Amino acid sequence: MASDTTAIVEQPGKGDKEWMPKPQVSGCPPGLEYLTVIDQILVKQKVELFEAFTGIDCKNKYVMTNSMGQQVYFAYEESGLCMRLCCSQYRSFTMHILDNQGQEVIRVTRPFQICAGCCWCISGKNCCAYRITIEAPPGNPIGYVHQGCSVWKPKYYVQDEDMNDVLSIGGPCCPCQCCCGCTGDVHFRFYGKDGIEIGSVSKVWNGLVKEMFTKADSFTVTFPKDLDVKQKATLLGAMFLIEFMYFESEDQT
């Protein structure tokens, strides 16, 4: 894994990205220090030329920057070719999130689930609900996100390491973007236990041409600066669940 990581991560000094300096903070999981001082992360999927020319789905890669354009993390997907070809957005995956030293600091895992995703069929936390596990560092679970039962609008529950509900996420009735229908940003809003909105993950509308001819998505994740760092990392993981459930399928059309 070490050699693969070195090849995948965009190291400082290469390309046109400036890396965010690592804050000197104690008392949080290694690598999450960056999250303690920011309230917004911009996530941009990298364009794969092979995928653009062939239509064959490649493993996703993402660059994450702060509001000043400094790169915070780099993420890449681990999944099987058969999963990507046969299961598309329903596939299982592991998302490895690396810091500017090329060290994996966050891992997001979604298992493969048959007959999952229908919000009407979910009861509690049964097999019909999509779920992800967030680890920081890898091997140490810090949070979970699972799909909730809803009649129409998407709903998710965010849990801490002890599987206690701490936040919720609510999406719009029609979480899609298409050239002949909805355009503009799509917002999935974060709510505290008191029901007050505290942030969001937004799928950014990149313009008609880019949306039609590229498969690279862009997202903005916002949260309070003083939010618990583990919850920030968990909300970042929730973005990948939302991406695969609602926007990876659009990329295939």
Protein backbone atom coordinates (compact mmCIF):
# COMPACT_ATOMS: atom_id res chain seq x y z
CA MET A 1 0.00 0.00 0.00
CA ALA A 2 2.86 2.40 0.76
CA SER A 3 4.15 2.41 -2.82
CA ASP A 4 0.63 2.87 -4.22
CA THR A 5 0.01 5.76 -1.86
CA THR A 6 3.19 7.51 -2.92
CA ALA A 7 2.17 7.24 -6.56
CA ILE A 8 -1.39 8.45 -6.00
CA VAL A 9 -1.04 11.40 -3.64
CA GLU A 10 -0.23 14.78 -5.13
CA GLN A 11 2.87 15.77 -3.18
CA PRO A 12 3.68 19.39 -2.26
CA GLY A 13 5.65 21.14 -4.97
CA LYS A 14 4.06 19.13 -7.78
CA GLY A 15 1.33 20.69 -9.88
CA ASP A 16 -0.24 24.03 -9.11
CA LYS A 17 -1.71 23.27 -5.68
CA GLU A 18 -0.44 24.81 -2.46
CA TRP A 19 -0.82 22.56 0.57
CA MET A 20 -2.43 23.80 3.77
CA PRO A 21 0.08 24.03 6.64
CA LYS A 22 -0.60 21.49 9.38
CA PRO A 23 -2.02 23.16 12.50
CA GLN A 24 -0.32 22.38 15.80
CA VAL A 25 -3.25 20.89 17.68
CA SER A 26 -3.33 18.11 20.24
CA GLY A 27 -6.13 15.88 21.44
CA CYS A 28 -7.53 14.74 18.10
CA PRO A 29 -6.87 11.75 15.84
CA PRO A 30 -3.63 12.16 13.83
CA GLY A 31 -4.28 13.90 10.52
CA LEU A 32 -7.53 15.55 11.61
CA GLU A 33 -5.70 18.64 12.88
CA TYR A 34 -6.52 20.36 9.57
CA LEU A 35 -10.24 20.07 10.29
CA THR A 36 -9.99 21.91 13.63
CA VAL A 37 -9.39 25.32 12.01
CA ILE A 38 -11.67 25.23 8.94
CA ASP A 39 -15.41 25.46 8.40
CA GLN A 40 -15.52 24.56 4.70
CA ILE A 41 -13.98 21.96 2.40
CA LEU A 42 -14.18 22.09 -1.38
CA VAL A 43 -14.10 18.66 -3.00
CA LYS A 44 -13.40 18.23 -6.70
CA GLN A 45 -13.36 14.91 -8.51
CA LYS A 46 -10.45 14.47 -10.88
CA VAL A 47 -11.16 13.89 -14.57
CA GLU A 48 -9.89 10.53 -15.82
CA LEU A 49 -9.01 10.74 -19.53
CA PHE A 50 -9.30 6.97 -20.00
CA GLU A 51 -12.82 7.06 -18.58
CA ALA A 52 -13.75 10.12 -20.65
CA PHE A 53 -12.70 8.43 -23.92
CA THR A 54 -13.84 4.86 -23.22
CA GLY A 55 -16.81 5.25 -20.89
CA ILE A 56 -15.32 2.55 -18.64
CA ASP A 57 -15.77 3.59 -15.02
CA CYS A 58 -12.43 4.16 -13.27
CA LYS A 59 -11.73 4.46 -9.56
CA ASN A 60 -12.70 7.92 -8.37
CA LYS A 61 -10.12 10.41 -7.10
CA TYR A 62 -10.79 13.69 -5.34
CA VAL A 63 -8.81 16.78 -4.38
CA MET A 64 -9.95 18.56 -1.19
CA THR A 65 -9.08 22.20 -0.55
CA ASN A 66 -9.92 24.86 2.00
CA SER A 67 -11.63 28.15 1.19
CA MET A 68 -8.24 29.71 0.29
CA GLY A 69 -7.53 27.04 -2.31
CA GLN A 70 -4.90 25.24 -0.25
CA GLN A 71 -5.03 21.46 -0.60
CA VAL A 72 -6.06 19.72 2.63
CA TYR A 73 -6.49 16.09 1.58
CA PHE A 74 -6.43 13.81 -1.44
CA ALA A 75 -8.84 10.86 -1.67
CA TYR A 76 -8.90 7.81 -3.88
CA GLU A 77 -11.34 4.95 -4.23
CA GLU A 78 -10.52 1.30 -3.80
CA SER A 79 -13.02 -1.01 -5.54
CA GLY A 80 -13.07 -3.99 -7.86
CA LEU A 81 -13.39 -3.68 -11.64
CA CYS A 82 -16.32 -6.10 -11.71
CA MET A 83 -18.05 -4.06 -9.01
CA ARG A 84 -17.65 -0.86 -11.02
CA LEU A 85 -18.76 -2.44 -14.31
CA CYS A 86 -21.68 -4.47 -12.97
CA CYS A 87 -22.90 -2.51 -9.95
CA SER A 88 -22.07 1.09 -10.87
CA GLN A 89 -23.15 3.46 -8.07
CA TYR A 90 -24.38 0.52 -5.96
CA ARG A 91 -20.89 -0.92 -5.58
CA SER A 92 -19.00 -1.41 -2.37
CA PHE A 93 -15.99 0.84 -1.96
CA THR A 94 -13.29 2.01 0.40
CA MET A 95 -12.29 5.67 0.18
CA HIS A 96 -8.75 6.38 1.35
CA ILE A 97 -8.16 9.99 2.44
CA LEU A 98 -4.51 11.06 2.62
CA ASP A 99 -2.81 14.07 4.18
CA ASN A 100 0.04 16.12 2.69
CA GLN A 101 2.59 13.57 3.90
CA GLY A 102 0.90 10.80 1.92
CA GLN A 103 -0.38 9.17 5.12
CA GLU A 104 -3.88 7.73 5.19
CA VAL A 105 -5.70 9.62 7.94
CA ILE A 106 -9.37 8.84 7.21
CA ARG A 107 -10.96 5.73 5.72
CA VAL A 108 -14.58 5.56 4.53
CA THR A 109 -16.07 2.13 3.85
CA ARG A 110 -19.37 1.14 2.31
CA PRO A 111 -20.22 -2.57 2.07
CA PHE A 112 -22.08 -4.08 -0.85
CA GLN A 113 -25.79 -4.42 -0.07
CA ILE A 114 -28.43 -6.13 -2.17
CA CYS A 115 -31.85 -4.44 -2.40
CA ALA A 116 -30.70 -1.40 -0.43
CA GLY A 117 -31.45 2.26 -1.06
CA CYS A 118 -35.26 2.44 -1.16
CA CYS A 119 -36.12 5.00 1.53
CA TRP A 120 -39.66 3.63 1.88
CA CYS A 121 -38.50 0.13 2.83
CA ILE A 122 -36.11 1.10 5.60
CA SER A 123 -37.07 0.12 9.13
CA GLY A 124 -34.64 1.16 11.81
CA LYS A 125 -31.16 0.15 10.67
CA ASN A 126 -32.01 -2.92 8.60
CA CYS A 127 -30.33 -4.23 5.47
CA CYS A 128 -32.32 -1.90 3.22
CA ALA A 129 -30.41 1.12 4.51
CA TYR A 130 -27.13 2.18 2.95
CA ARG A 131 -24.46 2.80 5.56
CA ILE A 132 -20.83 3.79 5.79
CA THR A 133 -18.16 3.55 8.47
CA ILE A 134 -15.61 6.31 9.03
CA GLU A 135 -12.27 5.46 10.64
CA ALA A 136 -9.54 7.87 11.78
CA PRO A 137 -6.91 6.60 11.77
CA PRO A 138 -7.75 3.44 9.75
CA GLY A 139 -8.85 0.68 12.11
CA ASN A 140 -10.33 3.12 14.63
CA PRO A 141 -14.05 3.83 13.97
CA ILE A 142 -15.04 7.39 14.86
CA GLY A 143 -18.47 7.57 13.24
CA TYR A 144 -21.16 6.04 11.09
CA VAL A 145 -23.76 7.33 8.65
CA HIS A 146 -26.85 5.33 7.72
CA GLN A 147 -29.81 6.03 5.51
CA GLY A 148 -33.09 6.74 7.28
CA CYS A 149 -36.69 5.93 6.45
CA SER A 150 -38.51 8.72 4.62
CA VAL A 151 -41.55 9.05 2.40
CA TRP A 152 -39.99 11.35 -0.17
CA LYS A 153 -36.94 13.40 0.81
CA PRO A 154 -33.57 11.66 1.46
CA LYS A 155 -32.69 11.38 5.15
CA TYR A 156 -29.56 10.19 6.95
CA TYR A 157 -28.47 9.78 10.54
CA VAL A 158 -24.95 10.60 11.68
CA GLN A 159 -23.64 8.58 14.63
CA ASP A 160 -20.61 8.77 16.89
CA GLU A 161 -18.20 5.91 17.59
CA ASP A 162 -20.72 4.38 20.05
CA MET A 163 -23.48 4.46 17.42
CA ASN A 164 -25.41 7.22 19.18
CA ASP A 165 -27.27 9.60 16.85
CA VAL A 166 -25.62 13.02 16.99
CA LEU A 167 -26.67 14.75 13.75
CA SER A 168 -29.04 14.24 10.83
CA ILE A 169 -28.92 15.09 7.14
CA GLY A 170 -31.88 16.04 4.98
CA GLY A 171 -31.91 16.23 1.19
CA PRO A 172 -34.23 17.80 -1.40
CA CYS A 173 -37.19 16.07 -3.07
CA CYS A 174 -35.30 15.84 -6.36
CA PRO A 175 -31.56 15.49 -5.66
CA CYS A 176 -30.46 15.54 -9.28
CA GLN A 177 -28.91 17.78 -11.89
CA CYS A 178 -29.54 17.37 -15.59
CA CYS A 179 -29.44 19.48 -18.70
CA CYS A 180 -33.17 19.10 -19.31
CA GLY A 181 -34.37 19.38 -15.71
CA CYS A 182 -32.91 20.73 -12.52
CA THR A 183 -29.85 22.94 -12.70
CA GLY A 184 -28.03 24.79 -9.94
CA ASP A 185 -26.50 23.55 -6.72
CA VAL A 186 -28.16 20.69 -4.80
CA HIS A 187 -28.05 20.96 -1.01
CA PHE A 188 -28.12 18.23 1.63
CA ARG A 189 -28.42 20.06 4.94
CA PHE A 190 -26.91 19.10 8.31
CA TYR A 191 -29.06 19.40 11.44
CA GLY A 192 -28.20 19.20 15.13
CA LYS A 193 -30.23 17.18 17.61
CA ASP A 194 -32.31 20.31 18.24
CA GLY A 195 -33.29 20.44 14.55
CA ILE A 196 -31.30 23.61 13.83
CA GLU A 197 -29.37 23.66 10.55
CA ILE A 198 -25.59 23.77 11.09
CA GLY A 199 -24.17 23.22 7.61
CA SER A 200 -24.54 21.31 4.37
CA VAL A 201 -22.97 19.27 1.63
CA SER A 202 -23.74 20.83 -1.74
CA LYS A 203 -23.31 19.36 -5.21
CA VAL A 204 -22.02 22.28 -7.24
CA TRP A 205 -23.47 22.97 -10.68
CA ASN A 206 -20.44 23.25 -13.00
CA GLY A 207 -22.26 24.64 -16.01
CA LEU A 208 -24.09 22.97 -18.88
CA VAL A 209 -21.04 22.00 -20.96
CA LYS A 210 -19.06 20.49 -18.09
CA GLU A 211 -22.09 18.64 -16.71
CA MET A 212 -22.85 17.13 -20.13
CA PHE A 213 -19.36 16.14 -21.22
CA THR A 214 -17.36 15.40 -18.06
CA LYS A 215 -17.94 13.03 -15.19
CA ALA A 216 -16.08 15.06 -12.56
CA ASP A 217 -18.31 16.25 -9.71
CA SER A 218 -17.67 19.15 -7.36
CA PHE A 219 -18.95 19.49 -3.79
CA THR A 220 -18.79 22.00 -0.96
CA VAL A 221 -18.98 20.74 2.63
CA THR A 222 -19.64 23.34 5.35
CA PHE A 223 -19.93 22.96 9.12
CA PRO A 224 -19.32 25.07 12.25
CA LYS A 225 -15.64 25.70 12.93
CA ASP A 226 -16.08 24.59 16.55
CA LEU A 227 -17.85 21.33 15.68
CA ASP A 228 -16.23 18.22 17.11
CA VAL A 229 -13.44 17.19 14.74
CA LYS A 230 -14.65 13.58 14.62
CA GLN A 231 -18.09 14.77 13.52
CA LYS A 232 -16.47 16.92 10.83
CA ALA A 233 -14.64 13.87 9.48
CA THR A 234 -17.87 11.85 9.61
CA LEU A 235 -19.75 14.53 7.65
CA LEU A 236 -16.95 14.49 5.09
CA GLY A 237 -17.50 10.75 4.80
CA ALA A 238 -21.24 11.34 4.39
CA MET A 239 -20.46 13.35 1.28
CA PHE A 240 -19.12 10.22 -0.43
CA LEU A 241 -22.26 8.25 0.44
CA ILE A 242 -24.41 11.01 -1.05
CA GLU A 243 -22.13 11.27 -4.10
CA PHE A 244 -22.44 7.57 -4.91
CA MET A 245 -26.16 7.33 -4.18
CA TYR A 246 -27.33 10.33 -6.21
CA PHE A 247 -24.63 11.64 -8.53
CA GLU A 248 -22.45 8.70 -9.56
CA SER A 249 -25.44 7.35 -11.50
CA GLU A 250 -25.76 10.65 -13.36
CA ASP A 251 -22.14 10.28 -14.39
CA GLN A 252 -22.98 7.05 -16.17
CA THR A 253 -25.66 8.56 -18.38
